[in-house]
Amino acid sequence: MKKILIMLGLIMLTGTAVQAANCENFGCAANPYSNSLSFSNLTGTNFLAEKIGNLVIKKAIKKDSKGKYKVNLQSYNLTALKKGIFKSLEIDGTDTVTDEIYVSKVKLKTLCDYNYVDINNKDNTATFMEPFAMSFALQITENDLIKTMESKSYTELLRRVNSIGNTSKLFNIVSTKAKIEDNKLYYIMSVGIPFVKAKQDITIETDFKVRNGEIALNNTKLVTNVFKFDISKLEKIINYLNPLEFSMGILENQEVQTQVKEITINDNKIDISGIFTVEKGFVTEK
């Protein structure tokens, strides 16, 4: 399934082979339309084209993601829009589900005021004629995490961890769940211990930080007193099973450079923001 940011970044297209620009070195192209006013703006045909574009984009989003979406496409004129040139694009989503990942709020916005994706219907390709970038902001609740961690994809992740074996070899992870309280995330693992029939819960308290553009655990503490072992070994397992990093799968793709800028927990809701970029000159199939 196409990742949501690839789909939105390509506007009305579907993509398979674009390449990434470096987020840190990204710069917008000069805007040749900065002082222009076209005939289509005066007659209202541009407004109609934007409305049609909004509907097309929303329809494309709904093919790969459930939820409520608002789309706001702004163009310079009808001729430019037909070429794939547009001023800006904003997408707001609520109660979204993409690839079994639940996110309460999604906000995406282009960073440049001149965006150009050339569409070649004959060759069935689209080319990024200028560097392309969007900011993203996600809000994830406790309920979102619980539903995501109940998904088949996350269950498969647990299976892989158990099949490989954790670093301590002390237990087998039966199930996991999350709780957000006092702006702290509590990660709870139900584990089976060798030679003991009863299951035990291990609770880890943690917050997060951004490290090299990715989400990492921070100030991790073992709340459960049942076990005594090195928290650093357990932290390796939790980092691998990090439900937030797993949720960022809707943003990650090898063809796009994604960088998390900030993560906070306020009012027991997790807010994540950052940008993603696509390099000028690379081609994608429609």
C-alpha atoms as a PDB file:
ATOM      1  CA  MET A   1       0.000   0.000   0.000  1.00  0.00           C
ATOM      2  CA  LYS A   2       1.280   3.498  -0.809  1.00  0.00           C
ATOM      3  CA  LYS A   3       2.353   5.465   2.234  1.00  0.00           C
ATOM      4  CA  ILE A   4       0.188   8.462   2.892  1.00  0.00           C
ATOM      5  CA  LEU A   5       2.876  11.100   2.485  1.00  0.00           C
ATOM      6  CA  ILE A   6       3.994   9.712  -0.872  1.00  0.00           C
ATOM      7  CA  MET A   7       0.407   9.870  -2.026  1.00  0.00           C
ATOM      8  CA  LEU A   8      -0.179  13.397  -0.778  1.00  0.00           C
ATOM      9  CA  GLY A   9       3.144  14.627  -2.022  1.00  0.00           C
ATOM     10  CA  LEU A  10       2.310  13.435  -5.519  1.00  0.00           C
ATOM     11  CA  ILE A  11      -1.060  15.191  -5.303  1.00  0.00           C
ATOM     12  CA  MET A  12      -3.274  13.402  -7.836  1.00  0.00           C
ATOM     13  CA  LEU A  13      -0.700  10.787  -8.826  1.00  0.00           C
ATOM     14  CA  THR A  14       0.471   7.442  -7.499  1.00  0.00           C
ATOM     15  CA  GLY A  15       4.198   6.988  -7.080  1.00  0.00           C
ATOM     16  CA  THR A  16       6.793   4.267  -6.902  1.00  0.00           C
ATOM     17  CA  ALA A  17      10.281   5.626  -7.561  1.00  0.00           C
ATOM     18  CA  VAL A  18      11.142   9.089  -6.348  1.00  0.00           C
ATOM     19  CA  GLN A  19      14.261   9.966  -4.407  1.00  0.00           C
ATOM     20  CA  ALA A  20      14.920  12.010  -1.336  1.00  0.00           C
ATOM     21  CA  ALA A  21      16.376  15.441  -0.844  1.00  0.00           C
ATOM     22  CA  ASN A  22      18.252  16.261   2.351  1.00  0.00           C
ATOM     23  CA  CYS A  23      15.880  17.914   4.848  1.00  0.00           C
ATOM     24  CA  GLU A  24      18.624  20.032   6.384  1.00  0.00           C
ATOM     25  CA  ASN A  25      19.777  21.465   3.046  1.00  0.00           C
ATOM     26  CA  PHE A  26      16.343  21.967   1.534  1.00  0.00           C
ATOM     27  CA  GLY A  27      15.606  25.268  -0.190  1.00  0.00           C
ATOM     28  CA  CYS A  28      12.541  26.450  -2.107  1.00  0.00           C
ATOM     29  CA  ALA A  29      12.774  27.368  -5.775  1.00  0.00           C
ATOM     30  CA  ALA A  30      12.285  30.941  -6.980  1.00  0.00           C
ATOM     31  CA  ASN A  31       8.612  31.686  -7.653  1.00  0.00           C
ATOM     32  CA  PRO A  32       7.912  33.046 -11.167  1.00  0.00           C
ATOM     33  CA  TYR A  33       4.248  33.672 -10.223  1.00  0.00           C
ATOM     34  CA  SER A  34       4.880  35.905  -7.210  1.00  0.00           C
ATOM     35  CA  ASN A  35       3.445  39.058  -8.839  1.00  0.00           C
ATOM     36  CA  SER A  36       1.098  37.579 -11.426  1.00  0.00           C
ATOM     37  CA  LEU A  37      -2.687  37.808 -11.766  1.00  0.00           C
ATOM     38  CA  SER A  38      -4.242  35.734 -14.535  1.00  0.00           C
ATOM     39  CA  PHE A  39      -7.492  35.916 -16.483  1.00  0.00           C
ATOM     40  CA  SER A  40      -8.677  32.654 -14.930  1.00  0.00           C
ATOM     41  CA  ASN A  41      -8.391  34.214 -11.467  1.00  0.00           C
ATOM     42  CA  LEU A  42     -10.652  37.075 -12.558  1.00  0.00           C
ATOM     43  CA  THR A  43     -13.275  34.879 -14.246  1.00  0.00           C
ATOM     44  CA  GLY A  44     -13.497  32.322 -11.469  1.00  0.00           C
ATOM     45  CA  THR A  45     -12.411  29.326 -13.572  1.00  0.00           C
ATOM     46  CA  ASN A  46      -9.325  28.926 -11.385  1.00  0.00           C
ATOM     47  CA  PHE A  47     -11.536  28.732  -8.279  1.00  0.00           C
ATOM     48  CA  LEU A  48     -13.566  25.965  -9.942  1.00  0.00           C
ATOM     49  CA  ALA A  49     -10.394  24.085 -10.914  1.00  0.00           C
ATOM     50  CA  GLU A  50      -9.169  24.261  -7.314  1.00  0.00           C
ATOM     51  CA  LYS A  51     -12.446  22.826  -6.042  1.00  0.00           C
ATOM     52  CA  ILE A  52     -12.232  19.965  -8.530  1.00  0.00           C
ATOM     53  CA  GLY A  53      -8.608  19.390  -7.503  1.00  0.00           C
ATOM     54  CA  ASN A  54      -9.634  19.235  -3.846  1.00  0.00           C
ATOM     55  CA  LEU A  55     -12.204  16.552  -4.604  1.00  0.00           C
ATOM     56  CA  VAL A  56      -9.730  14.501  -6.645  1.00  0.00           C
ATOM     57  CA  ILE A  57      -7.095  14.664  -3.917  1.00  0.00           C
ATOM     58  CA  LYS A  58      -9.584  13.731  -1.189  1.00  0.00           C
ATOM     59  CA  LYS A  59     -10.770  10.768  -3.261  1.00  0.00           C
ATOM     60  CA  ALA A  60      -7.174   9.599  -3.677  1.00  0.00           C
ATOM     61  CA  ILE A  61      -6.535   9.890   0.060  1.00  0.00           C
ATOM     62  CA  LYS A  62      -9.645   7.889   0.903  1.00  0.00           C
ATOM     63  CA  LYS A  63      -8.398   4.970  -1.204  1.00  0.00           C
ATOM     64  CA  ASP A  64      -5.561   4.390   1.252  1.00  0.00           C
ATOM     65  CA  SER A  65      -6.731   5.984   4.491  1.00  0.00           C
ATOM     66  CA  LYS A  66      -9.925   6.066   6.521  1.00  0.00           C
ATOM     67  CA  GLY A  67     -11.032   9.167   8.394  1.00  0.00           C
ATOM     68  CA  LYS A  68     -12.338  12.672   7.797  1.00  0.00           C
ATOM     69  CA  TYR A  69     -10.210  14.889   5.560  1.00  0.00           C
ATOM     70  CA  LYS A  70     -10.254  18.523   4.508  1.00  0.00           C
ATOM     71  CA  VAL A  71      -8.174  19.528   1.485  1.00  0.00           C
ATOM     72  CA  ASN A  72      -7.201  23.048   0.443  1.00  0.00           C
ATOM     73  CA  LEU A  73      -5.392  23.349  -2.893  1.00  0.00           C
ATOM     74  CA  GLN A  74      -4.335  26.837  -4.006  1.00  0.00           C
ATOM     75  CA  SER A  75      -3.184  27.468  -7.576  1.00  0.00           C
ATOM     76  CA  TYR A  76      -2.012  30.449  -9.631  1.00  0.00           C
ATOM     77  CA  ASN A  77      -4.180  29.918 -12.697  1.00  0.00           C
ATOM     78  CA  LEU A  78      -5.911  27.188 -14.644  1.00  0.00           C
ATOM     79  CA  THR A  79      -3.119  26.775 -17.183  1.00  0.00           C
ATOM     80  CA  ALA A  80      -0.472  26.358 -14.492  1.00  0.00           C
ATOM     81  CA  LEU A  81      -2.596  23.884 -12.547  1.00  0.00           C
ATOM     82  CA  LYS A  82      -3.042  21.707 -15.641  1.00  0.00           C
ATOM     83  CA  LYS A  83       0.757  21.551 -15.936  1.00  0.00           C
ATOM     84  CA  GLY A  84       1.061  20.478 -12.317  1.00  0.00           C
ATOM     85  CA  ILE A  85       2.071  23.879 -10.938  1.00  0.00           C
ATOM     86  CA  PHE A  86       0.359  24.997  -7.734  1.00  0.00           C
ATOM     87  CA  LYS A  87       0.868  27.472  -4.920  1.00  0.00           C
ATOM     88  CA  SER A  88       0.105  25.387  -1.856  1.00  0.00           C
ATOM     89  CA  LEU A  89      -1.631  22.325  -0.511  1.00  0.00           C
ATOM     90  CA  GLU A  90      -2.970  21.710   2.994  1.00  0.00           C
ATOM     91  CA  ILE A  91      -4.552  18.509   4.281  1.00  0.00           C
ATOM     92  CA  ASP A  92      -6.223  18.142   7.671  1.00  0.00           C
ATOM     93  CA  GLY A  93      -7.328  14.694   8.813  1.00  0.00           C
ATOM     94  CA  THR A  94      -9.145  13.550  11.943  1.00  0.00           C
ATOM     95  CA  ASP A  95      -9.588  10.024  13.312  1.00  0.00           C
ATOM     96  CA  THR A  96      -7.433   8.563  10.549  1.00  0.00           C
ATOM     97  CA  VAL A  97      -6.414   4.961   9.965  1.00  0.00           C
ATOM     98  CA  THR A  98      -3.633   4.199   7.486  1.00  0.00           C
ATOM     99  CA  ASP A  99      -1.958   0.808   7.184  1.00  0.00           C
ATOM    100  CA  GLU A 100      -3.508  -0.218  10.552  1.00  0.00           C
ATOM    101  CA  ILE A 101      -1.972   2.854  12.210  1.00  0.00           C
ATOM    102  CA  TYR A 102      -4.367   5.111  14.121  1.00  0.00           C
ATOM    103  CA  VAL A 103      -3.755   8.872  14.372  1.00  0.00           C
ATOM    104  CA  SER A 104      -6.326  11.292  15.818  1.00  0.00           C
ATOM    105  CA  LYS A 105      -5.105  14.354  13.938  1.00  0.00           C
ATOM    106  CA  VAL A 106      -2.971  14.743  10.823  1.00  0.00           C
ATOM    107  CA  LYS A 107      -1.936  18.081   9.333  1.00  0.00           C
ATOM    108  CA  LEU A 108       0.163  18.411   6.178  1.00  0.00           C
ATOM    109  CA  LYS A 109       1.222  21.619   4.451  1.00  0.00           C
ATOM    110  CA  THR A 110       3.560  22.437   1.583  1.00  0.00           C
ATOM    111  CA  LEU A 111       6.524  24.577   2.610  1.00  0.00           C
ATOM    112  CA  CYS A 112       7.108  26.391  -0.685  1.00  0.00           C
ATOM    113  CA  ASP A 113       4.822  28.814  -2.515  1.00  0.00           C
ATOM    114  CA  TYR A 114       5.834  27.331  -5.885  1.00  0.00           C
ATOM    115  CA  ASN A 115       5.389  23.590  -6.466  1.00  0.00           C
ATOM    116  CA  TYR A 116       5.764  21.914  -9.845  1.00  0.00           C
ATOM    117  CA  VAL A 117       5.103  18.260 -10.672  1.00  0.00           C
ATOM    118  CA  ASP A 118       5.174  17.759 -14.454  1.00  0.00           C
ATOM    119  CA  ILE A 119       2.652  15.190 -15.678  1.00  0.00           C
ATOM    120  CA  ASN A 120       3.431  13.190 -18.827  1.00  0.00           C
ATOM    121  CA  ASN A 121       0.337  11.186 -19.768  1.00  0.00           C
ATOM    122  CA  LYS A 122       2.024   9.670 -22.831  1.00  0.00           C
ATOM    123  CA  ASP A 123       4.858   8.099 -20.844  1.00  0.00           C
ATOM    124  CA  ASN A 124       2.671   7.656 -17.751  1.00  0.00           C
ATOM    125  CA  THR A 125       5.202   9.478 -15.568  1.00  0.00           C
ATOM    126  CA  ALA A 126       5.454  12.532 -13.337  1.00  0.00           C
ATOM    127  CA  THR A 127       8.625  14.519 -12.684  1.00  0.00           C
ATOM    128  CA  PHE A 128       9.402  16.763  -9.732  1.00  0.00           C
ATOM    129  CA  MET A 129      10.494  19.900 -11.559  1.00  0.00           C
ATOM    130  CA  GLU A 130      11.405  21.690  -8.316  1.00  0.00           C
ATOM    131  CA  PRO A 131      12.343  20.563  -4.794  1.00  0.00           C
ATOM    132  CA  PHE A 132       9.200  19.525  -2.925  1.00  0.00           C
ATOM    133  CA  ALA A 133       8.595  19.652   0.820  1.00  0.00           C
ATOM    134  CA  MET A 134       5.729  19.322   3.273  1.00  0.00           C
ATOM    135  CA  SER A 135       5.532  19.834   7.001  1.00  0.00           C
ATOM    136  CA  PHE A 136       3.602  17.306   9.048  1.00  0.00           C
ATOM    137  CA  ALA A 137       1.992  17.392  12.473  1.00  0.00           C
ATOM    138  CA  LEU A 138       0.462  14.318  14.108  1.00  0.00           C
ATOM    139  CA  GLN A 139      -1.491  13.959  17.331  1.00  0.00           C
ATOM    140  CA  ILE A 140      -1.710  10.492  18.845  1.00  0.00           C
ATOM    141  CA  THR A 141      -3.823   9.539  21.846  1.00  0.00           C
ATOM    142  CA  GLU A 142      -3.684   6.588  24.215  1.00  0.00           C
ATOM    143  CA  ASN A 143      -6.606   5.032  22.377  1.00  0.00           C
ATOM    144  CA  ASP A 144      -4.752   5.410  19.071  1.00  0.00           C
ATOM    145  CA  LEU A 145      -1.751   3.563  20.474  1.00  0.00           C
ATOM    146  CA  ILE A 146      -3.894   0.773  21.902  1.00  0.00           C
ATOM    147  CA  LYS A 147      -5.646   0.191  18.571  1.00  0.00           C
ATOM    148  CA  THR A 148      -2.391   0.320  16.624  1.00  0.00           C
ATOM    149  CA  MET A 149      -0.760  -2.163  18.984  1.00  0.00           C
ATOM    150  CA  GLU A 150      -3.701  -4.525  18.479  1.00  0.00           C
ATOM    151  CA  SER A 151      -3.146  -4.549  14.712  1.00  0.00           C
ATOM    152  CA  LYS A 152      -1.881  -7.525  12.744  1.00  0.00           C
ATOM    153  CA  SER A 153       1.266  -5.625  11.753  1.00  0.00           C
ATOM    154  CA  TYR A 154       2.269  -4.845  15.333  1.00  0.00           C
ATOM    155  CA  THR A 155       1.406  -8.389  16.434  1.00  0.00           C
ATOM    156  CA  GLU A 156       3.748  -9.639  13.723  1.00  0.00           C
ATOM    157  CA  LEU A 157       6.450  -7.351  15.124  1.00  0.00           C
ATOM    158  CA  LEU A 158       6.003  -9.011  18.534  1.00  0.00           C
ATOM    159  CA  ARG A 159       6.232 -12.427  16.921  1.00  0.00           C
ATOM    160  CA  ARG A 160       9.532 -11.517  15.269  1.00  0.00           C
ATOM    161  CA  VAL A 161      10.942 -10.272  18.571  1.00  0.00           C
ATOM    162  CA  ASN A 162       9.974 -13.507  20.312  1.00  0.00           C
ATOM    163  CA  SER A 163      11.277 -15.707  17.507  1.00  0.00           C
ATOM    164  CA  ILE A 164      14.648 -13.966  17.486  1.00  0.00           C
ATOM    165  CA  GLY A 165      14.781 -13.931  21.278  1.00  0.00           C
ATOM    166  CA  ASN A 166      15.286 -10.882  23.462  1.00  0.00           C
ATOM    167  CA  THR A 167      18.670  -9.915  24.829  1.00  0.00           C
ATOM    168  CA  SER A 168      18.010 -11.130  28.369  1.00  0.00           C
ATOM    169  CA  LYS A 169      16.354 -14.461  27.478  1.00  0.00           C
ATOM    170  CA  LEU A 170      14.238 -14.053  30.605  1.00  0.00           C
ATOM    171  CA  PHE A 171      10.753 -14.102  29.134  1.00  0.00           C
ATOM    172  CA  ASN A 172       8.471 -14.357  26.127  1.00  0.00           C
ATOM    173  CA  ILE A 173       6.271 -11.333  25.309  1.00  0.00           C
ATOM    174  CA  VAL A 174       2.631 -12.421  25.186  1.00  0.00           C
ATOM    175  CA  SER A 175       0.965  -9.035  24.618  1.00  0.00           C
ATOM    176  CA  THR A 176       1.553  -5.312  24.996  1.00  0.00           C
ATOM    177  CA  LYS A 177      -0.475  -2.215  25.743  1.00  0.00           C
ATOM    178  CA  ALA A 178       0.116   1.478  26.403  1.00  0.00           C
ATOM    179  CA  LYS A 179      -1.152   4.032  28.871  1.00  0.00           C
ATOM    180  CA  ILE A 180      -0.603   7.800  28.959  1.00  0.00           C
ATOM    181  CA  GLU A 181      -0.882   9.377  32.384  1.00  0.00           C
ATOM    182  CA  ASP A 182       0.524  12.662  33.764  1.00  0.00           C
ATOM    183  CA  ASN A 183       2.111  13.249  30.353  1.00  0.00           C
ATOM    184  CA  LYS A 184       4.170  10.068  30.632  1.00  0.00           C
ATOM    185  CA  LEU A 185       3.884   6.986  28.472  1.00  0.00           C
ATOM    186  CA  TYR A 186       3.613   3.665  30.272  1.00  0.00           C
ATOM    187  CA  TYR A 187       4.479   0.653  28.148  1.00  0.00           C
ATOM    188  CA  ILE A 188       3.096  -2.560  29.641  1.00  0.00           C
ATOM    189  CA  MET A 189       4.261  -5.992  28.534  1.00  0.00           C
ATOM    190  CA  SER A 190       2.502  -9.170  29.583  1.00  0.00           C
ATOM    191  CA  VAL A 191       5.216 -11.825  29.611  1.00  0.00           C
ATOM    192  CA  GLY A 192       5.477 -15.546  30.055  1.00  0.00           C
ATOM    193  CA  ILE A 193       8.385 -16.693  32.218  1.00  0.00           C
ATOM    194  CA  PRO A 194      10.082 -20.048  31.597  1.00  0.00           C
ATOM    195  CA  PHE A 195       8.950 -22.799  33.987  1.00  0.00           C
ATOM    196  CA  VAL A 196       6.256 -20.531  35.465  1.00  0.00           C
ATOM    197  CA  LYS A 197       2.649 -20.902  34.256  1.00  0.00           C
ATOM    198  CA  ALA A 198       1.422 -17.509  35.465  1.00  0.00           C
ATOM    199  CA  LYS A 199       1.944 -14.413  33.342  1.00  0.00           C
ATOM    200  CA  GLN A 200       3.495 -11.263  34.737  1.00  0.00           C
ATOM    201  CA  ASP A 201       3.168  -7.621  33.691  1.00  0.00           C
ATOM    202  CA  ILE A 202       6.253  -5.473  33.231  1.00  0.00           C
ATOM    203  CA  THR A 203       5.544  -1.728  33.245  1.00  0.00           C
ATOM    204  CA  ILE A 204       8.021   0.798  31.880  1.00  0.00           C
ATOM    205  CA  GLU A 205       7.616   4.552  32.305  1.00  0.00           C
ATOM    206  CA  THR A 206       9.181   6.716  29.601  1.00  0.00           C
ATOM    207  CA  ASP A 207       9.077   9.944  27.687  1.00  0.00           C
ATOM    208  CA  PHE A 208      10.669  10.708  24.329  1.00  0.00           C
ATOM    209  CA  LYS A 209      13.221  12.815  22.554  1.00  0.00           C
ATOM    210  CA  VAL A 210      14.239  13.435  18.959  1.00  0.00           C
ATOM    211  CA  ARG A 211      17.585  11.883  18.032  1.00  0.00           C
ATOM    212  CA  ASN A 212      18.939  12.240  14.495  1.00  0.00           C
ATOM    213  CA  GLY A 213      15.465  13.004  13.178  1.00  0.00           C
ATOM    214  CA  GLU A 214      13.895   9.922  14.783  1.00  0.00           C
ATOM    215  CA  ILE A 215      11.914   9.219  17.969  1.00  0.00           C
ATOM    216  CA  ALA A 216      13.865   7.635  20.811  1.00  0.00           C
ATOM    217  CA  LEU A 217      12.991   6.686  24.384  1.00  0.00           C
ATOM    218  CA  ASN A 218      14.128   9.060  27.115  1.00  0.00           C
ATOM    219  CA  ASN A 219      14.319   8.746  30.924  1.00  0.00           C
ATOM    220  CA  THR A 220      13.123   5.153  30.851  1.00  0.00           C
ATOM    221  CA  LYS A 221      12.273   3.681  34.264  1.00  0.00           C
ATOM    222  CA  LEU A 222      11.199   0.217  35.335  1.00  0.00           C
ATOM    223  CA  VAL A 223       8.026   0.616  37.387  1.00  0.00           C
ATOM    224  CA  THR A 224       7.438  -3.077  38.076  1.00  0.00           C
ATOM    225  CA  ASN A 225       9.262  -4.421  41.124  1.00  0.00           C
ATOM    226  CA  VAL A 226       8.659  -8.076  40.329  1.00  0.00           C
ATOM    227  CA  PHE A 227      11.825  -8.353  38.241  1.00  0.00           C
ATOM    228  CA  LYS A 228      15.365  -7.230  38.891  1.00  0.00           C
ATOM    229  CA  PHE A 229      17.489  -6.874  35.772  1.00  0.00           C
ATOM    230  CA  ASP A 230      19.440  -4.367  33.731  1.00  0.00           C
ATOM    231  CA  ILE A 231      17.020  -1.706  32.401  1.00  0.00           C
ATOM    232  CA  SER A 232      19.415  -0.957  29.538  1.00  0.00           C
ATOM    233  CA  LYS A 233      18.834  -4.449  28.134  1.00  0.00           C
ATOM    234  CA  LEU A 234      15.080  -4.050  28.404  1.00  0.00           C
ATOM    235  CA  GLU A 235      15.311  -0.621  26.789  1.00  0.00           C
ATOM    236  CA  LYS A 236      16.745  -2.193  23.637  1.00  0.00           C
ATOM    237  CA  ILE A 237      13.624  -4.340  23.330  1.00  0.00           C
ATOM    238  CA  ILE A 238      11.265  -1.423  23.983  1.00  0.00           C
ATOM    239  CA  ASN A 239      13.056   0.761  21.450  1.00  0.00           C
ATOM    240  CA  TYR A 240      12.524  -1.960  18.867  1.00  0.00           C
ATOM    241  CA  LEU A 241       8.849  -2.247  19.845  1.00  0.00           C
ATOM    242  CA  ASN A 242       8.429   1.532  20.285  1.00  0.00           C
ATOM    243  CA  PRO A 243       4.750   2.085  19.346  1.00  0.00           C
ATOM    244  CA  LEU A 244       5.408   5.688  18.303  1.00  0.00           C
ATOM    245  CA  GLU A 245       8.243   4.782  15.982  1.00  0.00           C
ATOM    246  CA  PHE A 246       6.005   2.026  14.620  1.00  0.00           C
ATOM    247  CA  SER A 247       3.245   4.593  14.053  1.00  0.00           C
ATOM    248  CA  MET A 248       5.682   6.755  12.114  1.00  0.00           C
ATOM    249  CA  GLY A 249       5.545   4.038   9.471  1.00  0.00           C
ATOM    250  CA  ILE A 250       2.871   6.095   7.697  1.00  0.00           C
ATOM    251  CA  LEU A 251       5.535   8.759   7.151  1.00  0.00           C
ATOM    252  CA  GLU A 252       8.480   6.564   6.307  1.00  0.00           C
ATOM    253  CA  ASN A 253       9.449   5.404   2.855  1.00  0.00           C
ATOM    254  CA  GLN A 254      12.823   4.826   1.275  1.00  0.00           C
ATOM    255  CA  GLU A 255      11.950   7.247  -1.503  1.00  0.00           C
ATOM    256  CA  VAL A 256      11.336  10.197   0.853  1.00  0.00           C
ATOM    257  CA  GLN A 257      13.540  11.924   3.411  1.00  0.00           C
ATOM    258  CA  THR A 258      11.533  12.313   6.621  1.00  0.00           C
ATOM    259  CA  GLN A 259      12.782  14.172   9.676  1.00  0.00           C
ATOM    260  CA  VAL A 260      11.059  14.495  13.047  1.00  0.00           C
ATOM    261  CA  LYS A 261      11.665  17.946  14.514  1.00  0.00           C
ATOM    262  CA  GLU A 262       9.763  17.837  17.808  1.00  0.00           C
ATOM    263  CA  ILE A 263       7.809  15.467  20.030  1.00  0.00           C
ATOM    264  CA  THR A 264       5.896  16.491  23.155  1.00  0.00           C
ATOM    265  CA  ILE A 265       3.245  15.035  25.455  1.00  0.00           C
ATOM    266  CA  ASN A 266       0.647  17.582  26.575  1.00  0.00           C
ATOM    267  CA  ASP A 267      -2.802  16.923  28.039  1.00  0.00           C
ATOM    268  CA  ASN A 268      -1.916  13.224  27.738  1.00  0.00           C
ATOM    269  CA  LYS A 269      -1.737  13.526  23.951  1.00  0.00           C
ATOM    270  CA  ILE A 270       1.414  12.988  21.913  1.00  0.00           C
ATOM    271  CA  ASP A 271       2.278  15.654  19.335  1.00  0.00           C
ATOM    272  CA  ILE A 272       4.866  14.914  16.652  1.00  0.00           C
ATOM    273  CA  SER A 273       6.007  17.398  14.010  1.00  0.00           C
ATOM    274  CA  GLY A 274       8.592  17.512  11.247  1.00  0.00           C
ATOM    275  CA  ILE A 275       9.104  17.730   7.498  1.00  0.00           C
ATOM    276  CA  PHE A 276       9.605  15.480   4.492  1.00  0.00           C
ATOM    277  CA  THR A 277      11.290  16.344   1.201  1.00  0.00           C
ATOM    278  CA  VAL A 278      11.625  15.053  -2.370  1.00  0.00           C
ATOM    279  CA  GLU A 279      14.520  16.010  -4.620  1.00  0.00           C
ATOM    280  CA  LYS A 280      14.195  18.034  -7.821  1.00  0.00           C
ATOM    281  CA  GLY A 281      14.450  16.172 -11.089  1.00  0.00           C
ATOM    282  CA  PHE A 282      13.385  12.708 -10.023  1.00  0.00           C
ATOM    283  CA  VAL A 283      10.726  10.800 -11.851  1.00  0.00           C
ATOM    284  CA  THR A 284       7.853   8.675 -10.644  1.00  0.00           C
ATOM    285  CA  GLU A 285       5.506   6.426 -12.541  1.00  0.00           C
ATOM    286  CA  LYS A 286       1.842   7.390 -12.411  1.00  0.00           C
END
